[in-house]
């Protein structure tokens, strides 16, 4: 058999399946299967009404071509041996490819898990604690100041609280910027980002109140803190869904 026909034969589907035989079939089995199929699909064996159908004739021609190609390989013991060896190598390559793809996906998943763990430990958790510290103290500090907003000691204590808030906020922002968030935490990171922005604006509004004693600044600041608190809650819910 010439090399071109052999290559074409290798490119087809499983020749054993084409002839309807097992891979352990004898050369006699192969010959009998070929004769049966050649007779079945020979144009002279087709009913006249079917032979008149161009579509059926075309399919029969393709079927005969596959049967002939399969027999030309399997009917020749040497060609069959090369074909079987080629199939074994091909199956081995496919198996190795599957293993390589699996290992690649597994490595990617492990890297993603490691990245998530590090981000939670190094970014999310410390930033969340600092945000909680800022938010949780506001109500008590405002109540303390409301006893007498014009008392210098009370106002100084309140301003010191705001300064602590600024320091905690800056630390939280640094933590947030220290590492890119993993893709699966995009919504968590977005909520943290907006939360930090709301807190920064809220602290500025409340500081304006300490200079002007205009309650509208205090109320605006409290509302911004309330929004930040809701964003923090949403970030926690998103994180819980991930882990």
C-alpha atoms as a PDB file:
ATOM      1  CA  UNK A   1       0.000   0.000   0.000  1.00  0.00           C
ATOM      2  CA  UNK A   2       1.444   3.425  -0.913  1.00  0.00           C
ATOM      3  CA  UNK A   3       2.168   5.951   1.866  1.00  0.00           C
ATOM      4  CA  UNK A   4      -0.513   8.381   0.719  1.00  0.00           C
ATOM      5  CA  UNK A   5      -3.267   5.799   1.063  1.00  0.00           C
ATOM      6  CA  UNK A   6      -1.881   4.735   4.435  1.00  0.00           C
ATOM      7  CA  UNK A   7      -1.931   8.331   5.722  1.00  0.00           C
ATOM      8  CA  UNK A   8      -5.454   8.808   4.426  1.00  0.00           C
ATOM      9  CA  UNK A   9      -6.492   5.587   6.107  1.00  0.00           C
ATOM     10  CA  UNK A  10      -5.025   6.736   9.407  1.00  0.00           C
ATOM     11  CA  UNK A  11      -6.982  10.003   9.136  1.00  0.00           C
ATOM     12  CA  UNK A  12     -10.331   8.192   8.987  1.00  0.00           C
ATOM     13  CA  UNK A  13     -12.364   6.903  11.894  1.00  0.00           C
ATOM     14  CA  UNK A  14     -11.506   3.578  13.512  1.00  0.00           C
ATOM     15  CA  UNK A  15     -11.226   1.053  10.677  1.00  0.00           C
ATOM     16  CA  UNK A  16     -12.360  -1.767  12.923  1.00  0.00           C
ATOM     17  CA  UNK A  17     -15.588   0.113  13.585  1.00  0.00           C
ATOM     18  CA  UNK A  18     -16.064   0.765   9.866  1.00  0.00           C
ATOM     19  CA  UNK A  19     -15.914  -2.978   9.175  1.00  0.00           C
ATOM     20  CA  UNK A  20     -17.930  -3.811  12.294  1.00  0.00           C
ATOM     21  CA  UNK A  21     -15.315  -6.085  13.810  1.00  0.00           C
ATOM     22  CA  UNK A  22     -13.297  -6.247  17.011  1.00  0.00           C
ATOM     23  CA  UNK A  23      -9.642  -5.287  17.218  1.00  0.00           C
ATOM     24  CA  UNK A  24      -8.798  -8.941  17.895  1.00  0.00           C
ATOM     25  CA  UNK A  25     -10.414 -10.110  14.648  1.00  0.00           C
ATOM     26  CA  UNK A  26      -8.475 -12.597  12.508  1.00  0.00           C
ATOM     27  CA  UNK A  27      -7.501 -11.845   8.913  1.00  0.00           C
ATOM     28  CA  UNK A  28     -10.255 -14.244   7.870  1.00  0.00           C
ATOM     29  CA  UNK A  29     -12.801 -12.279   9.942  1.00  0.00           C
ATOM     30  CA  UNK A  30     -11.633  -9.068   8.293  1.00  0.00           C
ATOM     31  CA  UNK A  31     -12.016 -10.525   4.800  1.00  0.00           C
ATOM     32  CA  UNK A  32     -15.507 -11.849   5.531  1.00  0.00           C
ATOM     33  CA  UNK A  33     -16.640  -8.527   7.001  1.00  0.00           C
ATOM     34  CA  UNK A  34     -15.318  -6.667   3.974  1.00  0.00           C
ATOM     35  CA  UNK A  35     -17.065  -8.979   1.501  1.00  0.00           C
ATOM     36  CA  UNK A  36     -20.360  -8.656   3.390  1.00  0.00           C
ATOM     37  CA  UNK A  37     -20.220  -4.861   3.468  1.00  0.00           C
ATOM     38  CA  UNK A  38     -18.977  -4.506  -0.115  1.00  0.00           C
ATOM     39  CA  UNK A  39     -21.900  -6.589  -1.304  1.00  0.00           C
ATOM     40  CA  UNK A  40     -24.339  -4.654   0.900  1.00  0.00           C
ATOM     41  CA  UNK A  41     -23.299  -1.264  -0.424  1.00  0.00           C
ATOM     42  CA  UNK A  42     -22.515  -2.190  -4.024  1.00  0.00           C
ATOM     43  CA  UNK A  43     -24.703  -0.121  -6.391  1.00  0.00           C
ATOM     44  CA  UNK A  44     -26.031  -3.212  -8.139  1.00  0.00           C
ATOM     45  CA  UNK A  45     -27.397  -4.528  -4.843  1.00  0.00           C
ATOM     46  CA  UNK A  46     -29.518  -1.398  -4.154  1.00  0.00           C
ATOM     47  CA  UNK A  47     -33.240  -1.201  -4.932  1.00  0.00           C
ATOM     48  CA  UNK A  48     -33.949   0.752  -8.085  1.00  0.00           C
ATOM     49  CA  UNK A  49     -35.981   3.432  -6.316  1.00  0.00           C
ATOM     50  CA  UNK A  50     -33.135   4.027  -3.836  1.00  0.00           C
ATOM     51  CA  UNK A  51     -30.468   3.976  -6.513  1.00  0.00           C
ATOM     52  CA  UNK A  52     -32.374   6.765  -8.236  1.00  0.00           C
ATOM     53  CA  UNK A  53     -31.869   8.983  -5.201  1.00  0.00           C
ATOM     54  CA  UNK A  54     -28.789  11.153  -5.696  1.00  0.00           C
ATOM     55  CA  UNK A  55     -28.388  11.717  -1.937  1.00  0.00           C
ATOM     56  CA  UNK A  56     -28.480   8.017  -1.133  1.00  0.00           C
ATOM     57  CA  UNK A  57     -26.057   7.238  -3.939  1.00  0.00           C
ATOM     58  CA  UNK A  58     -23.621   9.811  -2.647  1.00  0.00           C
ATOM     59  CA  UNK A  59     -23.785   8.410   0.892  1.00  0.00           C
ATOM     60  CA  UNK A  60     -23.304   4.865  -0.401  1.00  0.00           C
ATOM     61  CA  UNK A  61     -20.271   6.000  -2.384  1.00  0.00           C
ATOM     62  CA  UNK A  62     -18.749   7.547   0.745  1.00  0.00           C
ATOM     63  CA  UNK A  63     -19.522   4.408   2.725  1.00  0.00           C
ATOM     64  CA  UNK A  64     -17.887   2.187   0.112  1.00  0.00           C
ATOM     65  CA  UNK A  65     -14.836   4.486   0.100  1.00  0.00           C
ATOM     66  CA  UNK A  66     -14.500   4.098   3.888  1.00  0.00           C
ATOM     67  CA  UNK A  67     -14.954   0.334   3.684  1.00  0.00           C
ATOM     68  CA  UNK A  68     -12.315   0.040   0.966  1.00  0.00           C
ATOM     69  CA  UNK A  69      -9.875   2.240   2.886  1.00  0.00           C
ATOM     70  CA  UNK A  70     -10.405   0.194   6.045  1.00  0.00           C
ATOM     71  CA  UNK A  71      -9.885  -3.101   4.255  1.00  0.00           C
ATOM     72  CA  UNK A  72      -6.811  -1.865   2.417  1.00  0.00           C
ATOM     73  CA  UNK A  73      -5.202  -1.253   5.816  1.00  0.00           C
ATOM     74  CA  UNK A  74      -6.592  -4.130   7.869  1.00  0.00           C
ATOM     75  CA  UNK A  75      -6.496  -6.648   5.035  1.00  0.00           C
ATOM     76  CA  UNK A  76      -2.727  -6.254   4.783  1.00  0.00           C
ATOM     77  CA  UNK A  77      -1.102  -7.756   7.934  1.00  0.00           C
ATOM     78  CA  UNK A  78       1.912  -5.418   7.718  1.00  0.00           C
ATOM     79  CA  UNK A  79      -0.235  -2.325   7.175  1.00  0.00           C
ATOM     80  CA  UNK A  80      -2.554  -3.454   9.976  1.00  0.00           C
ATOM     81  CA  UNK A  81       0.403  -3.794  12.336  1.00  0.00           C
ATOM     82  CA  UNK A  82       1.577  -0.266  11.512  1.00  0.00           C
ATOM     83  CA  UNK A  83      -1.974   1.035  11.895  1.00  0.00           C
ATOM     84  CA  UNK A  84      -2.380  -0.604  15.319  1.00  0.00           C
ATOM     85  CA  UNK A  85       0.977   0.779  16.476  1.00  0.00           C
ATOM     86  CA  UNK A  86       0.023   4.232  15.258  1.00  0.00           C
ATOM     87  CA  UNK A  87      -3.297   4.047  17.098  1.00  0.00           C
ATOM     88  CA  UNK A  88      -1.576   3.018  20.337  1.00  0.00           C
ATOM     89  CA  UNK A  89       0.827   5.962  20.045  1.00  0.00           C
ATOM     90  CA  UNK A  90      -2.025   8.306  19.251  1.00  0.00           C
ATOM     91  CA  UNK A  91      -4.034   7.101  22.245  1.00  0.00           C
ATOM     92  CA  UNK A  92      -0.969   7.498  24.475  1.00  0.00           C
ATOM     93  CA  UNK A  93      -0.476  11.064  23.247  1.00  0.00           C
ATOM     94  CA  UNK A  94      -4.156  11.838  23.851  1.00  0.00           C
ATOM     95  CA  UNK A  95      -3.940  10.389  27.351  1.00  0.00           C
ATOM     96  CA  UNK A  96      -0.825  12.432  28.073  1.00  0.00           C
ATOM     97  CA  UNK A  97      -2.536  15.557  26.752  1.00  0.00           C
ATOM     98  CA  UNK A  98      -5.525  14.949  29.018  1.00  0.00           C
ATOM     99  CA  UNK A  99      -3.223  14.432  32.003  1.00  0.00           C
ATOM    100  CA  UNK A 100      -1.273  17.582  31.155  1.00  0.00           C
ATOM    101  CA  UNK A 101      -4.465  19.621  30.821  1.00  0.00           C
ATOM    102  CA  UNK A 102      -5.757  18.241  34.119  1.00  0.00           C
ATOM    103  CA  UNK A 103      -2.495  19.045  35.878  1.00  0.00           C
ATOM    104  CA  UNK A 104      -2.499  22.529  34.385  1.00  0.00           C
ATOM    105  CA  UNK A 105      -6.065  23.171  35.556  1.00  0.00           C
ATOM    106  CA  UNK A 106      -5.253  21.752  38.976  1.00  0.00           C
ATOM    107  CA  UNK A 107      -2.178  23.978  39.293  1.00  0.00           C
ATOM    108  CA  UNK A 108      -4.225  26.991  38.225  1.00  0.00           C
ATOM    109  CA  UNK A 109      -6.930  26.168  40.782  1.00  0.00           C
ATOM    110  CA  UNK A 110      -4.347  25.716  43.537  1.00  0.00           C
ATOM    111  CA  UNK A 111      -2.719  29.023  42.601  1.00  0.00           C
ATOM    112  CA  UNK A 112      -6.119  30.719  42.684  1.00  0.00           C
ATOM    113  CA  UNK A 113      -6.889  29.193  46.096  1.00  0.00           C
ATOM    114  CA  UNK A 114      -3.509  30.295  47.434  1.00  0.00           C
ATOM    115  CA  UNK A 115      -3.999  33.797  46.054  1.00  0.00           C
ATOM    116  CA  UNK A 116      -7.416  34.018  47.693  1.00  0.00           C
ATOM    117  CA  UNK A 117      -6.069  32.825  51.051  1.00  0.00           C
ATOM    118  CA  UNK A 118      -3.223  35.330  51.003  1.00  0.00           C
ATOM    119  CA  UNK A 119      -5.528  38.191  49.961  1.00  0.00           C
ATOM    120  CA  UNK A 120      -7.988  37.445  52.738  1.00  0.00           C
ATOM    121  CA  UNK A 121      -5.253  37.206  55.337  1.00  0.00           C
ATOM    122  CA  UNK A 122      -3.150  40.164  54.168  1.00  0.00           C
ATOM    123  CA  UNK A 123      -5.746  42.558  52.768  1.00  0.00           C
ATOM    124  CA  UNK A 124      -9.374  41.846  53.488  1.00  0.00           C
ATOM    125  CA  UNK A 125      -9.243  40.805  57.152  1.00  0.00           C
ATOM    126  CA  UNK A 126      -6.997  43.629  58.441  1.00  0.00           C
ATOM    127  CA  UNK A 127      -8.812  46.241  56.337  1.00  0.00           C
ATOM    128  CA  UNK A 128     -12.174  44.989  57.591  1.00  0.00           C
ATOM    129  CA  UNK A 129     -11.015  45.159  61.219  1.00  0.00           C
ATOM    130  CA  UNK A 130      -9.818  48.744  60.789  1.00  0.00           C
ATOM    131  CA  UNK A 131     -13.062  49.738  59.096  1.00  0.00           C
ATOM    132  CA  UNK A 132     -15.046  48.141  61.903  1.00  0.00           C
ATOM    133  CA  UNK A 133     -13.007  50.049  64.469  1.00  0.00           C
ATOM    134  CA  UNK A 134     -13.806  53.361  62.766  1.00  0.00           C
ATOM    135  CA  UNK A 135     -17.514  52.719  62.306  1.00  0.00           C
ATOM    136  CA  UNK A 136     -18.281  51.155  65.685  1.00  0.00           C
ATOM    137  CA  UNK A 137     -17.007  54.079  67.761  1.00  0.00           C
ATOM    138  CA  UNK A 138     -18.878  56.939  66.089  1.00  0.00           C
ATOM    139  CA  UNK A 139     -22.195  56.672  67.940  1.00  0.00           C
ATOM    140  CA  UNK A 140     -20.561  56.610  71.398  1.00  0.00           C
ATOM    141  CA  UNK A 141     -18.255  59.507  70.537  1.00  0.00           C
ATOM    142  CA  UNK A 142     -21.141  61.628  69.255  1.00  0.00           C
ATOM    143  CA  UNK A 143     -23.185  60.908  72.397  1.00  0.00           C
ATOM    144  CA  UNK A 144     -20.240  61.912  74.568  1.00  0.00           C
ATOM    145  CA  UNK A 145     -19.783  65.184  72.696  1.00  0.00           C
ATOM    146  CA  UNK A 146     -23.500  65.962  72.675  1.00  0.00           C
ATOM    147  CA  UNK A 147     -23.364  66.501  76.456  1.00  0.00           C
ATOM    148  CA  UNK A 148     -21.790  69.896  75.662  1.00  0.00           C
ATOM    149  CA  UNK A 149     -20.362  70.458  72.155  1.00  0.00           C
ATOM    150  CA  UNK A 150     -18.844  73.730  73.347  1.00  0.00           C
ATOM    151  CA  UNK A 151     -16.847  72.095  76.122  1.00  0.00           C
ATOM    152  CA  UNK A 152     -13.199  72.319  75.090  1.00  0.00           C
ATOM    153  CA  UNK A 153     -12.182  69.013  76.687  1.00  0.00           C
ATOM    154  CA  UNK A 154     -15.072  67.113  75.103  1.00  0.00           C
ATOM    155  CA  UNK A 155     -14.335  68.679  71.721  1.00  0.00           C
ATOM    156  CA  UNK A 156     -10.621  67.882  71.993  1.00  0.00           C
ATOM    157  CA  UNK A 157     -11.455  64.263  72.849  1.00  0.00           C
ATOM    158  CA  UNK A 158     -13.781  64.100  69.858  1.00  0.00           C
ATOM    159  CA  UNK A 159     -11.147  65.579  67.564  1.00  0.00           C
ATOM    160  CA  UNK A 160      -8.626  63.040  68.873  1.00  0.00           C
ATOM    161  CA  UNK A 161     -11.134  60.311  67.981  1.00  0.00           C
ATOM    162  CA  UNK A 162     -11.382  61.697  64.451  1.00  0.00           C
ATOM    163  CA  UNK A 163      -7.599  61.740  64.186  1.00  0.00           C
ATOM    164  CA  UNK A 164      -7.532  58.080  65.223  1.00  0.00           C
ATOM    165  CA  UNK A 165     -10.142  57.420  62.565  1.00  0.00           C
ATOM    166  CA  UNK A 166      -7.931  59.050  59.945  1.00  0.00           C
ATOM    167  CA  UNK A 167      -4.946  56.942  60.983  1.00  0.00           C
ATOM    168  CA  UNK A 168      -6.990  53.743  60.899  1.00  0.00           C
ATOM    169  CA  UNK A 169      -8.451  54.738  57.541  1.00  0.00           C
ATOM    170  CA  UNK A 170      -5.000  55.357  56.086  1.00  0.00           C
ATOM    171  CA  UNK A 171      -3.812  51.950  57.302  1.00  0.00           C
ATOM    172  CA  UNK A 172      -6.889  50.308  55.784  1.00  0.00           C
ATOM    173  CA  UNK A 173      -6.261  52.056  52.459  1.00  0.00           C
ATOM    174  CA  UNK A 174      -2.638  50.924  52.452  1.00  0.00           C
ATOM    175  CA  UNK A 175      -3.709  47.348  53.108  1.00  0.00           C
ATOM    176  CA  UNK A 176      -6.258  47.558  50.313  1.00  0.00           C
ATOM    177  CA  UNK A 177      -3.649  48.815  47.832  1.00  0.00           C
ATOM    178  CA  UNK A 178      -0.937  46.367  48.885  1.00  0.00           C
ATOM    179  CA  UNK A 179      -2.139  43.482  46.731  1.00  0.00           C
ATOM    180  CA  UNK A 180      -4.363  43.040  43.695  1.00  0.00           C
ATOM    181  CA  UNK A 181      -7.550  41.222  44.551  1.00  0.00           C
ATOM    182  CA  UNK A 182      -8.188  37.756  43.025  1.00  0.00           C
ATOM    183  CA  UNK A 183     -10.822  37.780  40.246  1.00  0.00           C
ATOM    184  CA  UNK A 184     -13.431  35.979  42.347  1.00  0.00           C
ATOM    185  CA  UNK A 185     -13.319  38.745  44.973  1.00  0.00           C
ATOM    186  CA  UNK A 186     -14.053  41.573  42.535  1.00  0.00           C
ATOM    187  CA  UNK A 187     -17.367  42.474  44.193  1.00  0.00           C
ATOM    188  CA  UNK A 188     -15.863  42.259  47.680  1.00  0.00           C
ATOM    189  CA  UNK A 189     -13.042  44.573  46.648  1.00  0.00           C
ATOM    190  CA  UNK A 190     -15.479  46.995  45.015  1.00  0.00           C
ATOM    191  CA  UNK A 191     -17.552  47.234  48.198  1.00  0.00           C
ATOM    192  CA  UNK A 192     -14.418  47.759  50.297  1.00  0.00           C
ATOM    193  CA  UNK A 193     -13.214  50.484  47.932  1.00  0.00           C
ATOM    194  CA  UNK A 194     -16.497  52.408  48.120  1.00  0.00           C
ATOM    195  CA  UNK A 195     -16.673  51.819  51.851  1.00  0.00           C
ATOM    196  CA  UNK A 196     -13.264  53.443  52.344  1.00  0.00           C
ATOM    197  CA  UNK A 197     -14.286  56.378  50.175  1.00  0.00           C
ATOM    198  CA  UNK A 198     -17.473  56.908  52.150  1.00  0.00           C
ATOM    199  CA  UNK A 199     -15.565  56.831  55.423  1.00  0.00           C
ATOM    200  CA  UNK A 200     -13.020  59.351  54.153  1.00  0.00           C
ATOM    201  CA  UNK A 201     -15.764  61.737  53.070  1.00  0.00           C
ATOM    202  CA  UNK A 202     -17.648  61.126  56.307  1.00  0.00           C
ATOM    203  CA  UNK A 203     -14.628  61.984  58.467  1.00  0.00           C
ATOM    204  CA  UNK A 204     -14.110  65.204  56.498  1.00  0.00           C
ATOM    205  CA  UNK A 205     -17.742  66.233  56.992  1.00  0.00           C
ATOM    206  CA  UNK A 206     -17.598  65.545  60.718  1.00  0.00           C
ATOM    207  CA  UNK A 207     -14.351  67.502  61.011  1.00  0.00           C
ATOM    208  CA  UNK A 208     -16.081  70.492  59.392  1.00  0.00           C
ATOM    209  CA  UNK A 209     -18.646  70.286  62.177  1.00  0.00           C
ATOM    210  CA  UNK A 210     -15.898  70.573  64.816  1.00  0.00           C
ATOM    211  CA  UNK A 211     -14.798  73.876  63.242  1.00  0.00           C
ATOM    212  CA  UNK A 212     -18.200  75.376  62.467  1.00  0.00           C
ATOM    213  CA  UNK A 213     -20.603  73.695  64.930  1.00  0.00           C
ATOM    214  CA  UNK A 214     -22.963  73.365  61.982  1.00  0.00           C
ATOM    215  CA  UNK A 215     -25.051  70.247  62.682  1.00  0.00           C
ATOM    216  CA  UNK A 216     -25.640  69.663  58.958  1.00  0.00           C
ATOM    217  CA  UNK A 217     -22.013  68.576  58.594  1.00  0.00           C
ATOM    218  CA  UNK A 218     -22.387  66.136  61.479  1.00  0.00           C
ATOM    219  CA  UNK A 219     -25.585  64.673  60.037  1.00  0.00           C
ATOM    220  CA  UNK A 220     -23.999  64.298  56.579  1.00  0.00           C
ATOM    221  CA  UNK A 221     -20.999  62.588  58.136  1.00  0.00           C
ATOM    222  CA  UNK A 222     -23.219  60.190  60.066  1.00  0.00           C
ATOM    223  CA  UNK A 223     -25.128  59.330  56.888  1.00  0.00           C
ATOM    224  CA  UNK A 224     -21.868  58.615  55.059  1.00  0.00           C
ATOM    225  CA  UNK A 225     -20.794  56.352  57.924  1.00  0.00           C
ATOM    226  CA  UNK A 226     -24.146  54.566  57.665  1.00  0.00           C
ATOM    227  CA  UNK A 227     -23.570  53.955  53.947  1.00  0.00           C
ATOM    228  CA  UNK A 228     -20.051  52.706  54.689  1.00  0.00           C
ATOM    229  CA  UNK A 229     -21.463  50.323  57.276  1.00  0.00           C
ATOM    230  CA  UNK A 230     -23.880  48.889  54.703  1.00  0.00           C
ATOM    231  CA  UNK A 231     -21.082  48.482  52.153  1.00  0.00           C
ATOM    232  CA  UNK A 232     -18.994  46.656  54.741  1.00  0.00           C
ATOM    233  CA  UNK A 233     -21.937  44.356  55.449  1.00  0.00           C
ATOM    234  CA  UNK A 234     -22.326  43.621  51.745  1.00  0.00           C
ATOM    235  CA  UNK A 235     -18.603  42.898  51.418  1.00  0.00           C
ATOM    236  CA  UNK A 236     -18.882  40.398  54.279  1.00  0.00           C
ATOM    237  CA  UNK A 237     -21.849  38.692  52.625  1.00  0.00           C
ATOM    238  CA  UNK A 238     -19.984  38.465  49.309  1.00  0.00           C
ATOM    239  CA  UNK A 239     -16.914  37.051  51.030  1.00  0.00           C
ATOM    240  CA  UNK A 240     -19.019  34.466  52.855  1.00  0.00           C
ATOM    241  CA  UNK A 241     -20.444  33.327  49.509  1.00  0.00           C
ATOM    242  CA  UNK A 242     -16.917  32.821  48.154  1.00  0.00           C
ATOM    243  CA  UNK A 243     -15.390  30.893  51.025  1.00  0.00           C
END
